[in-house]
C-alpha atoms as a PDB file:
ATOM      1  CA  MET A   1       5.635 -24.884   7.061  1.00  0.00           C
ATOM      2  CA  ALA A   2       2.412 -26.698   7.182  1.00  0.00           C
ATOM      3  CA  GLU A   3      -0.903 -25.189   5.953  1.00  0.00           C
ATOM      4  CA  THR A   4      -3.870 -24.475   8.209  1.00  0.00           C
ATOM      5  CA  ALA A   5      -7.265 -24.403   7.836  1.00  0.00           C
ATOM      6  CA  PHE A   6      -7.118 -20.499   8.012  1.00  0.00           C
ATOM      7  CA  GLU A   7      -4.388 -19.781   5.531  1.00  0.00           C
ATOM      8  CA  MET A   8      -6.112 -18.243   2.187  1.00  0.00           C
ATOM      9  CA  SER A   9      -4.909 -19.419  -1.260  1.00  0.00           C
ATOM     10  CA  PRO A  10      -3.113 -17.146  -3.744  1.00  0.00           C
ATOM     11  CA  GLU A  11      -6.167 -16.378  -5.236  1.00  0.00           C
ATOM     12  CA  GLN A  12      -8.116 -15.711  -1.986  1.00  0.00           C
ATOM     13  CA  VAL A  13      -5.410 -13.191  -1.466  1.00  0.00           C
ATOM     14  CA  GLU A  14      -5.453 -11.579  -4.789  1.00  0.00           C
ATOM     15  CA  ALA A  15      -9.366 -11.612  -4.497  1.00  0.00           C
ATOM     16  CA  PHE A  16      -8.931  -9.742  -0.645  1.00  0.00           C
ATOM     17  CA  LEU A  17      -6.680  -7.590  -2.123  1.00  0.00           C
ATOM     18  CA  GLU A  18      -8.499  -6.051  -4.986  1.00  0.00           C
ATOM     19  CA  ALA A  19     -11.195  -4.094  -2.504  1.00  0.00           C
ATOM     20  CA  PRO A  20     -10.451  -0.771  -1.572  1.00  0.00           C
ATOM     21  CA  ARG A  21      -9.606  -1.353   1.933  1.00  0.00           C
ATOM     22  CA  HIS A  22      -7.022   0.715   4.037  1.00  0.00           C
ATOM     23  CA  ALA A  23      -3.278  -0.759   4.534  1.00  0.00           C
ATOM     24  CA  ILE A  24      -1.268   0.028   7.493  1.00  0.00           C
ATOM     25  CA  LEU A  25       2.758   0.358   6.674  1.00  0.00           C
ATOM     26  CA  ALA A  26       5.371  -0.186   9.008  1.00  0.00           C
ATOM     27  CA  ALA A  27       8.429   1.697   8.127  1.00  0.00           C
ATOM     28  CA  LEU A  28      11.469   1.895  10.262  1.00  0.00           C
ATOM     29  CA  ARG A  29      12.354   5.018  12.169  1.00  0.00           C
ATOM     30  CA  GLY A  30      16.186   6.115  12.273  1.00  0.00           C
ATOM     31  CA  ASP A  31      16.062   4.536  16.091  1.00  0.00           C
ATOM     32  CA  GLY A  32      14.736   0.682  14.528  1.00  0.00           C
ATOM     33  CA  THR A  33      11.294   1.402  16.118  1.00  0.00           C
ATOM     34  CA  ALA A  34       8.185   0.971  13.614  1.00  0.00           C
ATOM     35  CA  GLN A  35       6.310   4.253  12.462  1.00  0.00           C
ATOM     36  CA  MET A  36       2.679   2.961  11.198  1.00  0.00           C
ATOM     37  CA  SER A  37       0.605   5.060   8.661  1.00  0.00           C
ATOM     38  CA  PRO A  38      -2.679   4.301   6.842  1.00  0.00           C
ATOM     39  CA  ILE A  39      -2.255   4.385   3.237  1.00  0.00           C
ATOM     40  CA  TRP A  40      -4.324   3.536  -0.094  1.00  0.00           C
ATOM     41  CA  TYR A  41      -2.843   1.305  -2.189  1.00  0.00           C
ATOM     42  CA  LEU A  42      -3.250  -0.409  -5.380  1.00  0.00           C
ATOM     43  CA  TYR A  43      -2.063  -4.498  -5.755  1.00  0.00           C
ATOM     44  CA  GLU A  44      -1.668  -5.262  -9.047  1.00  0.00           C
ATOM     45  CA  GLY A  45       0.733  -7.901 -10.899  1.00  0.00           C
ATOM     46  CA  GLY A  46       2.164  -9.374  -7.907  1.00  0.00           C
ATOM     47  CA  ARG A  47       3.124  -5.528  -6.585  1.00  0.00           C
ATOM     48  CA  LEU A  48       1.751  -3.241  -4.128  1.00  0.00           C
ATOM     49  CA  TYR A  49       1.752   0.590  -5.030  1.00  0.00           C
ATOM     50  CA  PHE A  50       0.907   3.630  -2.905  1.00  0.00           C
ATOM     51  CA  SER A  51       1.906   7.637  -3.290  1.00  0.00           C
ATOM     52  CA  MET A  52       3.292   9.709  -0.550  1.00  0.00           C
ATOM     53  CA  LEU A  53       4.544  13.356  -0.497  1.00  0.00           C
ATOM     54  CA  VAL A  54       8.425  13.867  -0.501  1.00  0.00           C
ATOM     55  CA  THR A  55       8.248  16.286   2.135  1.00  0.00           C
ATOM     56  CA  THR A  56       6.632  13.308   4.853  1.00  0.00           C
ATOM     57  CA  ALA A  57       8.870  11.251   8.033  1.00  0.00           C
ATOM     58  CA  ARG A  58       7.757   8.140   5.896  1.00  0.00           C
ATOM     59  CA  TYR A  59       9.675   9.226   2.553  1.00  0.00           C
ATOM     60  CA  ARG A  60      12.611   9.511   4.589  1.00  0.00           C
ATOM     61  CA  GLN A  61      12.653   6.570   6.535  1.00  0.00           C
ATOM     62  CA  LEU A  62      11.977   4.735   3.158  1.00  0.00           C
ATOM     63  CA  ARG A  63      14.918   6.130   1.610  1.00  0.00           C
ATOM     64  CA  ARG A  64      17.141   5.359   4.467  1.00  0.00           C
ATOM     65  CA  ASP A  65      15.696   2.037   5.049  1.00  0.00           C
ATOM     66  CA  PRO A  66      13.506   0.138   2.222  1.00  0.00           C
ATOM     67  CA  ARG A  67      12.242  -2.894   4.400  1.00  0.00           C
ATOM     68  CA  VAL A  68       8.183  -2.835   5.338  1.00  0.00           C
ATOM     69  CA  ALA A  69       5.405  -4.653   6.384  1.00  0.00           C
ATOM     70  CA  LEU A  70       1.901  -3.978   5.557  1.00  0.00           C
ATOM     71  CA  CYS A  71      -1.231  -5.236   7.151  1.00  0.00           C
ATOM     72  CA  ILE A  72      -4.194  -5.121   5.164  1.00  0.00           C
ATOM     73  CA  ASP A  73      -7.546  -5.966   7.590  1.00  0.00           C
ATOM     74  CA  GLY A  74     -10.831  -7.032   6.417  1.00  0.00           C
ATOM     75  CA  GLY A  75     -12.438  -4.726   8.936  1.00  0.00           C
ATOM     76  CA  HIS A  76     -15.126  -5.965  11.497  1.00  0.00           C
ATOM     77  CA  PRO A  77     -17.002  -8.633  11.096  1.00  0.00           C
ATOM     78  CA  ASP A  78     -14.698  -9.915   8.169  1.00  0.00           C
ATOM     79  CA  ALA A  79     -12.084 -11.600  10.276  1.00  0.00           C
ATOM     80  CA  ARG A  80      -9.515 -11.744   7.503  1.00  0.00           C
ATOM     81  CA  PHE A  81      -5.828 -10.061   6.911  1.00  0.00           C
ATOM     82  CA  VAL A  82      -3.499 -10.148   4.439  1.00  0.00           C
ATOM     83  CA  ALA A  83       0.237  -8.859   5.590  1.00  0.00           C
ATOM     84  CA  LEU A  84       2.820  -8.622   3.012  1.00  0.00           C
ATOM     85  CA  TYR A  85       6.649  -8.107   3.818  1.00  0.00           C
ATOM     86  CA  GLY A  86       9.166  -6.745   1.285  1.00  0.00           C
ATOM     87  CA  VAL A  87      11.505  -3.710   0.451  1.00  0.00           C
ATOM     88  CA  ALA A  88      10.074  -0.426  -1.220  1.00  0.00           C
ATOM     89  CA  GLU A  89      11.188   0.801  -4.251  1.00  0.00           C
ATOM     90  CA  VAL A  90      10.701   4.801  -4.423  1.00  0.00           C
ATOM     91  CA  VAL A  91      10.048   6.099  -7.801  1.00  0.00           C
ATOM     92  CA  GLU A  92      10.273   9.895  -7.844  1.00  0.00           C
ATOM     93  CA  GLU A  93      10.903  10.341 -11.806  1.00  0.00           C
ATOM     94  CA  GLU A  94       7.669  11.601 -13.903  1.00  0.00           C
ATOM     95  CA  SER A  95       6.313   9.123 -16.006  1.00  0.00           C
ATOM     96  CA  PRO A  96       3.025   8.360 -17.940  1.00  0.00           C
ATOM     97  CA  TRP A  97       3.449   5.118 -16.013  1.00  0.00           C
ATOM     98  CA  ARG A  98       3.795   6.400 -12.525  1.00  0.00           C
ATOM     99  CA  ASP A  99       1.140   8.954 -13.558  1.00  0.00           C
ATOM    100  CA  ASP A 100      -1.437   6.138 -14.303  1.00  0.00           C
ATOM    101  CA  ILE A 101      -0.787   4.112 -11.242  1.00  0.00           C
ATOM    102  CA  ALA A 102      -1.178   6.983  -8.907  1.00  0.00           C
ATOM    103  CA  TRP A 103      -4.593   8.274 -10.628  1.00  0.00           C
ATOM    104  CA  ARG A 104      -5.282   4.570 -10.423  1.00  0.00           C
ATOM    105  CA  ILE A 105      -4.994   4.337  -6.273  1.00  0.00           C
ATOM    106  CA  VAL A 106      -7.139   7.517  -5.933  1.00  0.00           C
ATOM    107  CA  ARG A 107      -9.411   7.043  -8.371  1.00  0.00           C
ATOM    108  CA  ARG A 108     -10.094   3.355  -6.494  1.00  0.00           C
ATOM    109  CA  TYR A 109     -11.032   5.032  -2.991  1.00  0.00           C
ATOM    110  CA  SER A 110     -13.300   8.168  -4.784  1.00  0.00           C
ATOM    111  CA  ASP A 111     -16.714   7.885  -5.741  1.00  0.00           C
ATOM    112  CA  SER A 112     -16.607   9.488  -9.116  1.00  0.00           C
ATOM    113  CA  ASP A 113     -13.686  10.671 -11.518  1.00  0.00           C
ATOM    114  CA  GLU A 114     -14.525  14.505 -10.276  1.00  0.00           C
ATOM    115  CA  GLU A 115     -14.077  13.571  -6.587  1.00  0.00           C
ATOM    116  CA  ALA A 116     -10.560  11.629  -7.226  1.00  0.00           C
ATOM    117  CA  ARG A 117      -9.350  14.786  -9.473  1.00  0.00           C
ATOM    118  CA  SER A 118     -10.302  17.012  -6.700  1.00  0.00           C
ATOM    119  CA  TRP A 119      -8.340  14.829  -4.273  1.00  0.00           C
ATOM    120  CA  GLN A 120      -5.444  14.715  -6.755  1.00  0.00           C
ATOM    121  CA  ALA A 121      -5.434  18.598  -6.916  1.00  0.00           C
ATOM    122  CA  GLU A 122      -5.444  19.060  -3.093  1.00  0.00           C
ATOM    123  CA  VAL A 123      -2.557  16.629  -2.469  1.00  0.00           C
ATOM    124  CA  ALA A 124      -0.688  18.189  -5.463  1.00  0.00           C
ATOM    125  CA  ALA A 125      -0.945  21.606  -3.847  1.00  0.00           C
ATOM    126  CA  ARG A 126       0.744  20.343  -0.748  1.00  0.00           C
ATOM    127  CA  GLY A 127       4.069  19.294  -2.899  1.00  0.00           C
ATOM    128  CA  ARG A 128       6.066  16.868  -5.112  1.00  0.00           C
ATOM    129  CA  GLN A 129       4.929  12.954  -4.825  1.00  0.00           C
ATOM    130  CA  ALA A 130       6.717   9.969  -5.178  1.00  0.00           C
ATOM    131  CA  LEU A 131       5.371   6.472  -6.066  1.00  0.00           C
ATOM    132  CA  VAL A 132       6.442   3.390  -4.154  1.00  0.00           C
ATOM    133  CA  VAL A 133       6.382  -0.040  -5.736  1.00  0.00           C
ATOM    134  CA  VAL A 134       6.632  -2.884  -3.083  1.00  0.00           C
ATOM    135  CA  THR A 135       7.267  -6.356  -4.562  1.00  0.00           C
ATOM    136  CA  PRO A 136       6.465  -8.698  -1.467  1.00  0.00           C
ATOM    137  CA  GLU A 137       9.047 -11.075  -0.336  1.00  0.00           C
ATOM    138  CA  ARG A 138       6.537 -12.980   2.100  1.00  0.00           C
ATOM    139  CA  ILE A 139       2.686 -12.654   1.860  1.00  0.00           C
ATOM    140  CA  LEU A 140       0.634 -14.193   4.822  1.00  0.00           C
ATOM    141  CA  GLY A 141      -3.348 -14.415   4.283  1.00  0.00           C
ATOM    142  CA  ARG A 142      -5.555 -15.476   7.079  1.00  0.00           C
ATOM    143  CA  ASP A 143      -9.095 -15.740   7.091  1.00  0.00           C
ATOM    144  CA  TYR A 144     -10.927 -16.832  10.451  1.00  0.00           C
ATOM    145  CA  ASN A 145     -14.401 -15.898   9.818  1.00  0.00           C
END
């Protein structure tokens, strides 16, 4: 496919994804329709990470069908977005690696360590969590500014 003036370079996509923006995750319901959910994420080393409670519909959907799409929007007036398409790997076993990634996700959306710890405690009180790792098969970045 020919590049257009609106396409973001891989370097521009990486820089865009570094900011703590909200992503919209699309997962497939049992009937094949999409369910969309806002999530916090960390993009690093070519992978996108997010956490979720194992009691959610989103968890059940990803266990049944791991195909996902995510859209990260710049928000008005920033007319940029990145869409990622791939397969989700759900990591349930506890490990220092998983705990570190989960902490870094929460910390990047919090104003302080204290706020992040408070949020983590609140979520932990709701139940067990899983970490999701998405290795994108396709990334589309557009800049309409």
